[in-house]
Amino acid sequence: MDKPHSTLPLSPRALLMVLASVMVLAAFMLPDEEEYYYNVNAQLEVFGETFRELSHGYVEKLDPERMITAAIDGMLEELDPYTEYLRKGEAAEIELLSSGSYGGIGISVGMRDSMVTITDVMDGYSAQREGVRMGDRIMEINGVRMLNGPIERLREQTRGLPNTTVPLTVQRDGVDTLLHFTLTRETIRVRSISYSGMVADSVGYVRLTRFSSNAGDEMRAAILDLQRQGMKRGMILDLRNNPGGVLEAAVDVVAKFVPSGSLIVSTRGRDSAESQEYRSTEDPIAEGLPVVIMVDGYSASAAEIVAGAMQDLDVGVVIGVPSFGKGLVQSTRLLPDDNMLKMTTARYYTPSGRCIQKIDYAGDQAGGTVDTSHRLFRTRIGRPVYDHGGVLPDTLVRLPDTAAIIARLAESNLFFRFASQSASGMRALPQRFAITDSLLAAFMEFSTNELNESQTPDPLIEQIDDLYDDARRTRRSAQVVEQIEKLRGVAKADQRREMERYREEVRRWLFDEITARFTTQRERVAKSLPNDRQVNAALGLLRLGGKGYRKLLAIR
């Protein structure tokens, strides 16, 4: 949960200033606080003197920035994983959630086979209009060579003032020459809602993928639009894979469904300024509308505030699997040179008073421990809910486990790479496109070869390799070594057999990956909903006059 807050930048002599400030503050503290800050001051002196001695006397000249960064990173490793020191480029990404927009060309990128590769092209922006495709590898942008990254350097070139141009050169599979584009930067809205539409008679659906500052406004617009389309029976709010964002944005979203003045979330921190109550300050536009909220293990932070608040206030029921369990609030402090400290300053509590934080980072154990004490709380009408385990669904709906071979093909980027190669020969997607048996066989042959050469081998084969190394190192008999080698061959051959076993699932994944090169994100989401088990379960609760929905709300 990111709570924007910043202070004025410190001077270059920040370390000495901090030392002096702590000494002055200590004079005004209560006895316990005075002892604490005296100790802080003493440790800062030790750190400062150590750094000074190393800077002057170490056998080789040191890089001060690198040393301080390493010291900060080491210090923060002792805390929770959400407390971070953010460099200039990383800090800019946090600010995007607060501002809600930036000047860019409309692409998402990632490293694929150690190359900067376009992983998505945003609907309606310059890159899409000019024909840039998912899977294109960026060779050069704005005159800067880019193929092997880093991605932060790419961001420096793509971001800028709207209406300025950016020359882009890409390499596309199946095309012999490099492709050159001249793209125009535009104001790109950081959209919180990636899709909204009707999924059944009188039932609306909204997929909320993040909580940027404009999430509340987007939710209002989506609800009003769905109401115009006839949404009366209920709404499905999809918070799956939503990592969170701005706390106030979560409050704004819940406010669309609850009476003005309703407590939505409260925060409690060591500093009294971090202890606040957040209430709805607007009249609802969907009060009384049955809402089914969908969560999964990747729904975190602000997404859990929304799910937990609506569950506690009995204005919605939650389905899916338990959420991530992040009940900590982060605030940001601006540091010199546009760097930033993002630190945990409070815990948040849902209206019933529960904290859904799953991992306790307060002890000495590295990485924290799972808090297994689940205390009972009650919703507004008396339904039982529990703390310290994420948001627990009112009804559990699991998705089928992905077969190990499918997961490996996806993690190795083989669907992605083969789809880019196949799509390169198409100007547009054929009207009745399908994955033929011959195309499927070609993919399996390609994948078998690539898996054998992969830098991320099959975990089973890794174990066999370890066994082989142990046998050679301990001088086991030639017979034992030979049998291990045979076992490795069997395991490799089994990869192809597993692909054959799940061939129809492989076919579906490959179809989705190839068609993604020619369809918008909205089209892809709409196509996926009819086959989504959890969406269908949500629809089931809203059928028959909402009988299943009302039954869940009646559980005491």
Foldseek 3Di string as FASTA:
>chain_A
DEAEDADDADDPPNLVVVLVVLVVVLVVDDPVVNVVSVVVSVVSVVVVVVLVCCCPPPPDHDDSVVVVQVVVVVVCLLFAPQWDWFPQLRLVVQVCLAVQKFWFFAFDWDAAPLFTFTQAGAPPGFCVVFQNWGGWTWQDKQRHGATRDDVSVVVVRGTDDFQDKMWTWTDFAPDPDIDIDITTIDIDGPDQWPEKDADDQLEIETEGAEQGPCLLVVLVVRVVVSVVVRNALAYEYEQELRQYGHQVSLQSNLLQADAFFAFQKFKDFPDVVRTGTRTRHDGHPHHPGEYEYEYEQNRDDSSLSNQLQCVQQVNYFYEEAFYNADQWYWYWYAYPPNIITTDTGIGMAGPQGATAHQFDSPDSDRNGHGDPDWDWTAGPVGATFTHRHHGGGLYYDYDDDDDPLVVVCVVSCLLQNLLSNVLVVDPAAPPPDFCDPVNLVVSLVVVLVCQVVDPDHDPVLVVLVVVLVVCVVVVPDPVVNVVSVVVSVVVSVVSSVVCVVCVVVVRVSSVLSNCSRHDHPHVSVSVCQVVDRVNVVVVVCSPPSNPNVVVSSPHD
